[in-house]
């Protein structure tokens, strides 16, 4: 995978990732965008990857594009992370079949359409909270218990957003970002709570967030995509995946709390 990222220098150093070779990573939202890019990057770094997605067939398609050896290290599981029972089943399979989880990339997220102040948009707001917040809670919890049980090094990476640090003002011509930034501010707080809790339990598990600016993915509503793609610079999903691997590849004594990356020229 060609990369022009500032993180590329460490990715080219195999020593940075060699301790993770053949270890198990779970990626949520692995069917497209950042999740698919992280899946390919982790496979390329020698890890075994479990890709969780509602659209399992897309992860299977990604798998078919890999070479035979890499195909053997990618497992696709159909999982809606808003459904706790599905998350439990996915992690139970991972622990039984692969021995447990070493790395989690909690990536799945959505932006609902609607406005906070509109009476008919409650369902969209609830769905965003259930995906971005509760889906993360379920996946991090199950990953942490697997890492803690085996008393091994582990790393949880939560894909956040610059919207978790400052609410973008898109102006009245574009749709409202509604509850989305609030969920991202929530992930920022959760990152610190996880750091404290992982220390409280005297584990070697680290937690990091990666907070990109605008990324060229299909998460944005169509009304926003049409304007932004014409007028604003965007990151590639591979840029975010490079940052994730950089965080994981740092030495075990290094707590990478957050990485913020933006496309050059972003106005936010």
Protein backbone atom coordinates (compact mmCIF):
# COMPACT_ATOMS: atom_id res chain seq x y z
CA UNK A 1 0.00 0.00 0.00
CA UNK A 2 1.61 3.21 -1.13
CA UNK A 3 1.60 5.97 1.44
CA UNK A 4 2.59 9.60 1.51
CA UNK A 5 1.73 10.09 5.17
CA UNK A 6 3.98 11.68 7.76
CA UNK A 7 3.66 8.40 9.64
CA UNK A 8 5.20 6.41 6.79
CA UNK A 9 8.75 6.45 8.17
CA UNK A 10 7.80 4.31 11.16
CA UNK A 11 5.58 2.05 9.09
CA UNK A 12 8.58 1.24 6.90
CA UNK A 13 10.45 0.15 10.02
CA UNK A 14 9.34 -3.45 10.54
CA UNK A 15 10.66 -3.41 14.10
CA UNK A 16 7.86 -1.05 15.13
CA UNK A 17 5.16 -3.61 14.36
CA UNK A 18 6.97 -6.93 14.60
CA UNK A 19 5.79 -7.59 18.17
CA UNK A 20 2.21 -7.57 16.81
CA UNK A 21 2.91 -10.11 14.08
CA UNK A 22 0.29 -12.91 14.19
CA UNK A 23 -1.49 -11.17 17.08
CA UNK A 24 -5.25 -10.59 16.77
CA UNK A 25 -6.87 -7.27 15.90
CA UNK A 26 -10.61 -6.60 15.80
CA UNK A 27 -11.81 -3.78 13.55
CA UNK A 28 -15.38 -2.51 13.74
CA UNK A 29 -16.94 -0.93 10.69
CA UNK A 30 -14.51 -2.90 8.54
CA UNK A 31 -16.58 -2.94 5.37
CA UNK A 32 -15.62 0.46 3.94
CA UNK A 33 -13.69 3.68 4.40
CA UNK A 34 -11.38 3.98 7.39
CA UNK A 35 -12.29 0.53 8.72
CA UNK A 36 -11.42 -1.19 5.44
CA UNK A 37 -8.16 0.78 5.22
CA UNK A 38 -7.23 -0.23 8.78
CA UNK A 39 -8.06 -3.84 8.00
CA UNK A 40 -5.74 -3.84 4.97
CA UNK A 41 -2.98 -2.06 6.90
CA UNK A 42 -3.12 -4.44 9.87
CA UNK A 43 -3.10 -7.46 7.57
CA UNK A 44 -0.13 -5.95 5.76
CA UNK A 45 1.64 -5.58 9.12
CA UNK A 46 1.28 -9.30 9.77
CA UNK A 47 -1.68 -9.31 12.14
CA UNK A 48 -4.70 -11.60 12.17
CA UNK A 49 -7.78 -9.42 11.71
CA UNK A 50 -11.43 -9.95 12.59
CA UNK A 51 -13.51 -7.51 10.57
CA UNK A 52 -16.89 -6.67 12.09
CA UNK A 53 -19.52 -5.17 9.82
CA UNK A 54 -23.22 -5.21 9.10
CA UNK A 55 -22.26 -5.61 5.43
CA UNK A 56 -20.21 -8.76 5.90
CA UNK A 57 -20.10 -9.38 2.15
CA UNK A 58 -17.96 -6.25 1.70
CA UNK A 59 -15.35 -7.58 4.11
CA UNK A 60 -15.43 -10.88 2.21
CA UNK A 61 -14.83 -8.95 -1.02
CA UNK A 62 -11.88 -7.17 0.60
CA UNK A 63 -10.56 -10.57 1.64
CA UNK A 64 -10.81 -11.90 -1.93
CA UNK A 65 -8.52 -9.09 -3.10
CA UNK A 66 -5.68 -10.21 -0.80
CA UNK A 67 -3.04 -12.80 -1.57
CA UNK A 68 -3.71 -16.34 -0.27
CA UNK A 69 -1.50 -16.02 2.83
CA UNK A 70 -3.16 -12.75 3.80
CA UNK A 71 -6.63 -14.17 3.12
CA UNK A 72 -5.97 -16.80 5.79
CA UNK A 73 -5.51 -14.02 8.37
CA UNK A 74 -8.75 -12.12 7.71
CA UNK A 75 -12.05 -13.24 9.23
CA UNK A 76 -15.32 -11.49 8.41
CA UNK A 77 -18.11 -11.50 10.99
CA UNK A 78 -21.55 -9.99 10.47
CA UNK A 79 -22.13 -7.72 13.45
CA UNK A 80 -24.28 -4.69 14.17
CA UNK A 81 -22.39 -3.09 17.05
CA UNK A 82 -25.54 -1.38 18.36
CA UNK A 83 -26.81 -4.86 19.26
CA UNK A 84 -25.01 -5.99 22.39
CA UNK A 85 -25.82 -9.66 21.84
CA UNK A 86 -24.20 -9.58 18.39
CA UNK A 87 -21.07 -7.96 19.83
CA UNK A 88 -20.88 -10.60 22.56
CA UNK A 89 -21.17 -13.41 19.99
CA UNK A 90 -18.49 -11.87 17.77
CA UNK A 91 -16.00 -11.54 20.61
CA UNK A 92 -16.86 -14.97 21.98
CA UNK A 93 -16.03 -16.45 18.57
CA UNK A 94 -12.79 -14.47 18.44
CA UNK A 95 -11.71 -15.69 21.87
CA UNK A 96 -12.66 -19.32 21.20
CA UNK A 97 -11.23 -19.57 17.70
CA UNK A 98 -8.27 -17.20 17.83
CA UNK A 99 -7.36 -17.10 21.52
CA UNK A 100 -8.41 -13.54 22.28
CA UNK A 101 -7.97 -9.91 21.27
CA UNK A 102 -4.70 -7.98 21.27
CA UNK A 103 -5.72 -4.82 19.40
CA UNK A 104 -9.09 -3.16 18.88
CA UNK A 105 -9.74 -0.49 16.27
CA UNK A 106 -13.12 0.89 17.28
CA UNK A 107 -14.05 2.64 14.07
CA UNK A 108 -17.74 2.15 13.31
CA UNK A 109 -19.67 5.41 13.36
CA UNK A 110 -22.45 7.27 11.61
CA UNK A 111 -23.78 10.79 11.07
CA UNK A 112 -27.56 10.85 11.23
CA UNK A 113 -29.61 13.27 9.14
CA UNK A 114 -31.85 15.76 10.91
CA UNK A 115 -31.68 18.45 13.54
CA UNK A 116 -31.54 18.39 17.32
CA UNK A 117 -34.36 20.91 17.48
CA UNK A 118 -36.75 19.04 15.17
CA UNK A 119 -39.52 16.96 16.71
CA UNK A 120 -39.42 14.16 14.15
CA UNK A 121 -35.68 13.44 14.25
CA UNK A 122 -35.41 11.62 17.58
CA UNK A 123 -34.87 8.21 15.97
CA UNK A 124 -31.88 9.45 13.94
CA UNK A 125 -30.32 11.04 17.02
CA UNK A 126 -30.82 7.85 19.03
CA UNK A 127 -29.27 5.71 16.28
CA UNK A 128 -26.18 7.94 16.19
CA UNK A 129 -25.74 7.68 19.96
CA UNK A 130 -26.24 3.91 19.94
CA UNK A 131 -23.66 3.44 17.18
CA UNK A 132 -21.01 6.00 18.11
CA UNK A 133 -21.20 5.71 21.90
CA UNK A 134 -22.78 2.43 22.95
CA UNK A 135 -21.23 0.45 20.09
CA UNK A 136 -17.85 1.69 21.26
CA UNK A 137 -18.68 0.80 24.88
CA UNK A 138 -19.56 -2.79 23.93
CA UNK A 139 -16.49 -3.36 21.72
CA UNK A 140 -13.98 -1.76 24.09
CA UNK A 141 -15.40 -3.60 27.08
CA UNK A 142 -15.16 -7.03 25.46
CA UNK A 143 -11.68 -6.33 24.07
CA UNK A 144 -10.40 -5.11 27.41
CA UNK A 145 -11.68 -8.17 29.27
CA UNK A 146 -9.91 -10.43 26.79
CA UNK A 147 -6.64 -8.48 27.14
CA UNK A 148 -6.92 -8.32 30.93
CA UNK A 149 -7.70 -12.02 31.29
CA UNK A 150 -4.55 -13.03 29.43
CA UNK A 151 -2.39 -10.38 31.16
CA UNK A 152 -0.81 -9.38 27.85
CA UNK A 153 -0.04 -6.09 26.19
CA UNK A 154 -3.09 -4.69 24.44
CA UNK A 155 -4.03 -1.55 22.59
CA UNK A 156 -7.44 0.02 22.06
CA UNK A 157 -7.62 2.64 19.31
CA UNK A 158 -10.80 4.67 19.00
CA UNK A 159 -11.36 6.52 15.74
CA UNK A 160 -12.69 9.91 16.79
CA UNK A 161 -12.86 13.22 14.87
CA UNK A 162 -11.76 16.83 15.07
CA UNK A 163 -15.48 17.38 15.72
CA UNK A 164 -14.74 15.97 19.18
CA UNK A 165 -12.58 19.02 19.90
CA UNK A 166 -14.38 21.81 18.08
CA UNK A 167 -17.85 21.83 16.55
CA UNK A 168 -17.51 22.74 12.85
CA UNK A 169 -19.81 25.51 11.67
CA UNK A 170 -20.88 24.37 8.21
CA UNK A 171 -23.22 27.32 7.75
CA UNK A 172 -26.93 27.45 6.95
CA UNK A 173 -26.49 26.11 3.40
CA UNK A 174 -25.42 22.67 4.65
CA UNK A 175 -27.32 20.21 6.88
CA UNK A 176 -26.87 20.30 10.65
CA UNK A 177 -24.30 17.98 12.22
CA UNK A 178 -26.90 17.50 15.00
CA UNK A 179 -25.85 15.02 17.72
CA UNK A 180 -22.70 13.82 15.89
CA UNK A 181 -20.19 16.25 17.48
CA UNK A 182 -21.66 15.52 20.92
CA UNK A 183 -20.92 11.82 20.44
CA UNK A 184 -17.37 12.67 19.40
CA UNK A 185 -16.87 14.89 22.45
CA UNK A 186 -18.15 11.88 24.39
CA UNK A 187 -15.51 9.60 22.84
CA UNK A 188 -12.85 12.12 23.84
CA UNK A 189 -13.99 11.90 27.47
CA UNK A 190 -14.30 8.12 27.31
CA UNK A 191 -10.71 7.85 26.10
CA UNK A 192 -9.50 9.43 29.34
CA UNK A 193 -11.85 7.34 31.47
CA UNK A 194 -10.57 4.18 29.78
CA UNK A 195 -6.97 5.26 30.44
CA UNK A 196 -7.77 5.70 34.12
CA UNK A 197 -9.69 2.43 34.39
CA UNK A 198 -7.03 0.41 32.59
CA UNK A 199 -4.45 1.77 35.04
CA UNK A 200 -6.76 1.15 37.99
CA UNK A 201 -6.84 -2.54 37.08
CA UNK A 202 -3.02 -2.56 36.76
CA UNK A 203 -3.04 -3.75 33.16
CA UNK A 204 -0.62 -3.16 30.28
CA UNK A 205 -3.47 -2.07 28.01
CA UNK A 206 -3.08 1.30 26.29
CA UNK A 207 -5.81 3.43 24.74
CA UNK A 208 -5.54 6.08 22.05
CA UNK A 209 -7.82 8.13 19.88
CA UNK A 210 -7.12 9.17 16.31
CA UNK A 211 -9.03 12.32 15.39
CA UNK A 212 -9.01 13.10 11.68
CA UNK A 213 -10.42 16.10 9.89
CA UNK A 214 -12.60 15.52 6.85
CA UNK A 215 -11.96 12.11 5.29
CA UNK A 216 -13.11 11.04 1.84
CA UNK A 217 -15.55 8.34 2.94
CA UNK A 218 -19.26 7.66 2.57
CA UNK A 219 -20.07 8.59 6.20
CA UNK A 220 -21.02 12.14 5.17
CA UNK A 221 -24.61 12.77 4.09
CA UNK A 222 -24.95 13.21 0.32
CA UNK A 223 -25.85 16.90 0.65
CA UNK A 224 -22.57 17.57 2.47
CA UNK A 225 -20.45 15.30 0.25
CA UNK A 226 -21.42 17.10 -2.93
CA UNK A 227 -20.22 20.48 -1.68
CA UNK A 228 -17.23 19.40 0.40
CA UNK A 229 -15.68 17.26 -2.33
CA UNK A 230 -15.71 20.24 -4.68
CA UNK A 231 -14.45 22.91 -2.32
CA UNK A 232 -12.54 21.36 0.60
CA UNK A 233 -9.39 19.22 0.88
CA UNK A 234 -9.87 15.77 2.39
CA UNK A 235 -7.74 13.06 3.94
CA UNK A 236 -7.67 9.56 2.50
CA UNK A 237 -8.74 6.60 4.61
CA UNK A 238 -5.19 5.26 4.25
CA UNK A 239 -3.89 8.40 6.00
CA UNK A 240 -5.95 7.52 9.06
CA UNK A 241 -4.88 3.88 8.92
CA UNK A 242 -1.24 5.02 8.90
CA UNK A 243 -1.87 7.01 12.08
CA UNK A 244 -3.51 3.98 13.73
CA UNK A 245 -0.51 1.79 12.94
CA UNK A 246 1.89 4.46 14.15
CA UNK A 247 0.08 4.58 17.52
CA UNK A 248 0.09 0.79 17.86
CA UNK A 249 3.76 0.60 16.85
CA UNK A 250 5.02 2.92 19.57
CA UNK A 251 6.85 1.22 22.49
CA UNK A 252 4.70 -0.29 25.27
CA UNK A 253 5.76 2.43 27.73
CA UNK A 254 4.37 5.19 25.49
CA UNK A 255 0.79 6.33 26.04
CA UNK A 256 -0.33 8.00 22.80
CA UNK A 257 -3.39 9.82 24.05
CA UNK A 258 -4.61 11.37 20.82
CA UNK A 259 -3.42 11.98 17.29
CA UNK A 260 -5.05 14.81 15.38
CA UNK A 261 -4.54 14.84 11.61
CA UNK A 262 -6.06 17.24 9.12
CA UNK A 263 -5.81 17.64 5.38
CA UNK A 264 -3.48 20.44 4.43
CA UNK A 265 -5.59 23.56 3.88
CA UNK A 266 -8.60 22.46 5.94
CA UNK A 267 -10.49 25.57 7.07
CA UNK A 268 -11.88 24.25 10.36
